C-alpha atoms as a PDB file:
ATOM      1  CA  UNK A   1     -36.454  19.980 -41.624  1.00  0.00           C
ATOM      2  CA  UNK A   2     -34.771  21.195 -44.735  1.00  0.00           C
ATOM      3  CA  UNK A   3     -35.123  19.636 -48.144  1.00  0.00           C
ATOM      4  CA  UNK A   4     -32.135  18.171 -50.014  1.00  0.00           C
ATOM      5  CA  UNK A   5     -31.508  19.429 -53.563  1.00  0.00           C
ATOM      6  CA  UNK A   6     -29.257  17.834 -56.064  1.00  0.00           C
ATOM      7  CA  UNK A   7     -28.397  18.729 -59.595  1.00  0.00           C
ATOM      8  CA  UNK A   8     -28.209  15.727 -61.919  1.00  0.00           C
ATOM      9  CA  UNK A   9     -27.595  14.703 -65.528  1.00  0.00           C
ATOM     10  CA  UNK A  10     -29.472  11.768 -67.006  1.00  0.00           C
ATOM     11  CA  UNK A  11     -32.090  10.669 -69.425  1.00  0.00           C
ATOM     12  CA  UNK A  12     -35.238  12.381 -67.901  1.00  0.00           C
ATOM     13  CA  UNK A  13     -38.194  13.167 -70.017  1.00  0.00           C
ATOM     14  CA  UNK A  14     -36.289  13.288 -73.359  1.00  0.00           C
ATOM     15  CA  UNK A  15     -35.514   9.532 -73.560  1.00  0.00           C
ATOM     16  CA  UNK A  16     -32.630   9.877 -76.180  1.00  0.00           C
ATOM     17  CA  UNK A  17     -30.124  12.280 -74.705  1.00  0.00           C
ATOM     18  CA  UNK A  18     -28.929  13.180 -71.200  1.00  0.00           C
ATOM     19  CA  UNK A  19     -30.226  16.383 -69.766  1.00  0.00           C
ATOM     20  CA  UNK A  20     -29.777  18.463 -66.575  1.00  0.00           C
ATOM     21  CA  UNK A  21     -32.359  18.366 -63.924  1.00  0.00           C
ATOM     22  CA  UNK A  22     -32.991  18.825 -60.140  1.00  0.00           C
ATOM     23  CA  UNK A  23     -33.828  16.203 -57.675  1.00  0.00           C
ATOM     24  CA  UNK A  24     -35.521  17.354 -54.421  1.00  0.00           C
ATOM     25  CA  UNK A  25     -35.870  15.025 -51.448  1.00  0.00           C
ATOM     26  CA  UNK A  26     -38.389  16.246 -48.916  1.00  0.00           C
ATOM     27  CA  UNK A  27     -38.044  14.147 -45.761  1.00  0.00           C
ATOM     28  CA  UNK A  28     -40.816  15.787 -43.963  1.00  0.00           C
ATOM     29  CA  UNK A  29     -43.449  14.827 -46.636  1.00  0.00           C
ATOM     30  CA  UNK A  30     -41.543  11.794 -47.825  1.00  0.00           C
ATOM     31  CA  UNK A  31     -41.641  12.901 -51.483  1.00  0.00           C
ATOM     32  CA  UNK A  32     -38.955  12.431 -54.220  1.00  0.00           C
ATOM     33  CA  UNK A  33     -39.273  15.136 -56.915  1.00  0.00           C
ATOM     34  CA  UNK A  34     -37.549  15.413 -60.236  1.00  0.00           C
ATOM     35  CA  UNK A  35     -37.751  18.462 -62.441  1.00  0.00           C
ATOM     36  CA  UNK A  36     -35.863  18.594 -65.865  1.00  0.00           C
ATOM     37  CA  UNK A  37     -34.169  21.986 -66.498  1.00  0.00           C
ATOM     38  CA  UNK A  38     -36.300  24.544 -68.392  1.00  0.00           C
ATOM     39  CA  UNK A  39     -39.402  22.313 -68.106  1.00  0.00           C
ATOM     40  CA  UNK A  40     -42.652  22.969 -66.184  1.00  0.00           C
ATOM     41  CA  UNK A  41     -43.327  19.301 -65.680  1.00  0.00           C
ATOM     42  CA  UNK A  42     -42.488  17.951 -62.246  1.00  0.00           C
ATOM     43  CA  UNK A  43     -42.367  14.233 -61.435  1.00  0.00           C
ATOM     44  CA  UNK A  44     -43.189  13.240 -57.807  1.00  0.00           C
ATOM     45  CA  UNK A  45     -43.129   9.901 -56.108  1.00  0.00           C
ATOM     46  CA  UNK A  46     -43.156   8.732 -52.462  1.00  0.00           C
ATOM     47  CA  UNK A  47     -39.764   7.822 -51.167  1.00  0.00           C
ATOM     48  CA  UNK A  48     -40.943   4.236 -50.391  1.00  0.00           C
ATOM     49  CA  UNK A  49     -41.722   3.584 -54.090  1.00  0.00           C
ATOM     50  CA  UNK A  50     -38.298   4.948 -55.082  1.00  0.00           C
ATOM     51  CA  UNK A  51     -36.653   2.459 -52.619  1.00  0.00           C
ATOM     52  CA  UNK A  52     -38.734  -0.356 -54.071  1.00  0.00           C
ATOM     53  CA  UNK A  53     -37.671   0.505 -57.645  1.00  0.00           C
ATOM     54  CA  UNK A  54     -33.969   0.658 -56.745  1.00  0.00           C
ATOM     55  CA  UNK A  55     -34.022  -2.635 -54.933  1.00  0.00           C
ATOM     56  CA  UNK A  56     -35.895  -4.333 -57.899  1.00  0.00           C
ATOM     57  CA  UNK A  57     -33.465  -3.018 -60.429  1.00  0.00           C
ATOM     58  CA  UNK A  58     -30.428  -4.140 -58.406  1.00  0.00           C
ATOM     59  CA  UNK A  59     -31.901  -7.555 -57.737  1.00  0.00           C
ATOM     60  CA  UNK A  60     -32.746  -7.986 -61.469  1.00  0.00           C
ATOM     61  CA  UNK A  61     -29.177  -6.842 -62.530  1.00  0.00           C
ATOM     62  CA  UNK A  62     -27.629  -9.284 -60.105  1.00  0.00           C
ATOM     63  CA  UNK A  63     -29.694 -12.191 -61.509  1.00  0.00           C
ATOM     64  CA  UNK A  64     -28.768 -11.376 -64.984  1.00  0.00           C
ATOM     65  CA  UNK A  65     -25.001 -11.379 -63.956  1.00  0.00           C
ATOM     66  CA  UNK A  66     -25.308 -14.736 -62.125  1.00  0.00           C
ATOM     67  CA  UNK A  67     -27.033 -16.340 -65.224  1.00  0.00           C
ATOM     68  CA  UNK A  68     -24.274 -15.033 -67.492  1.00  0.00           C
ATOM     69  CA  UNK A  69     -21.602 -16.413 -65.275  1.00  0.00           C
ATOM     70  CA  UNK A  70     -23.343 -19.744 -65.068  1.00  0.00           C
ATOM     71  CA  UNK A  71     -23.764 -19.900 -68.810  1.00  0.00           C
ATOM     72  CA  UNK A  72     -20.042 -19.086 -69.164  1.00  0.00           C
ATOM     73  CA  UNK A  73     -19.014 -21.976 -66.877  1.00  0.00           C
ATOM     74  CA  UNK A  74     -21.169 -24.368 -68.804  1.00  0.00           C
ATOM     75  CA  UNK A  75     -19.518 -23.457 -72.178  1.00  0.00           C
ATOM     76  CA  UNK A  76     -16.046 -24.190 -71.002  1.00  0.00           C
END
């Protein structure tokens, strides 16, 4: 099985400004790897944990949106 490589732009290890990096998804080992451009540091995480983080972030964003809508209905 081949690995999937993607070039991304985002706030990686320099929290303030967006920078270029590479994401590698290895399906055989089940690892998600991020490496900022021109950096030696590599960040690895199992795909299962990545899926959990994505789901939690979306659920929290939906809850915040529902609370704002409910608060807006009460004000009118």
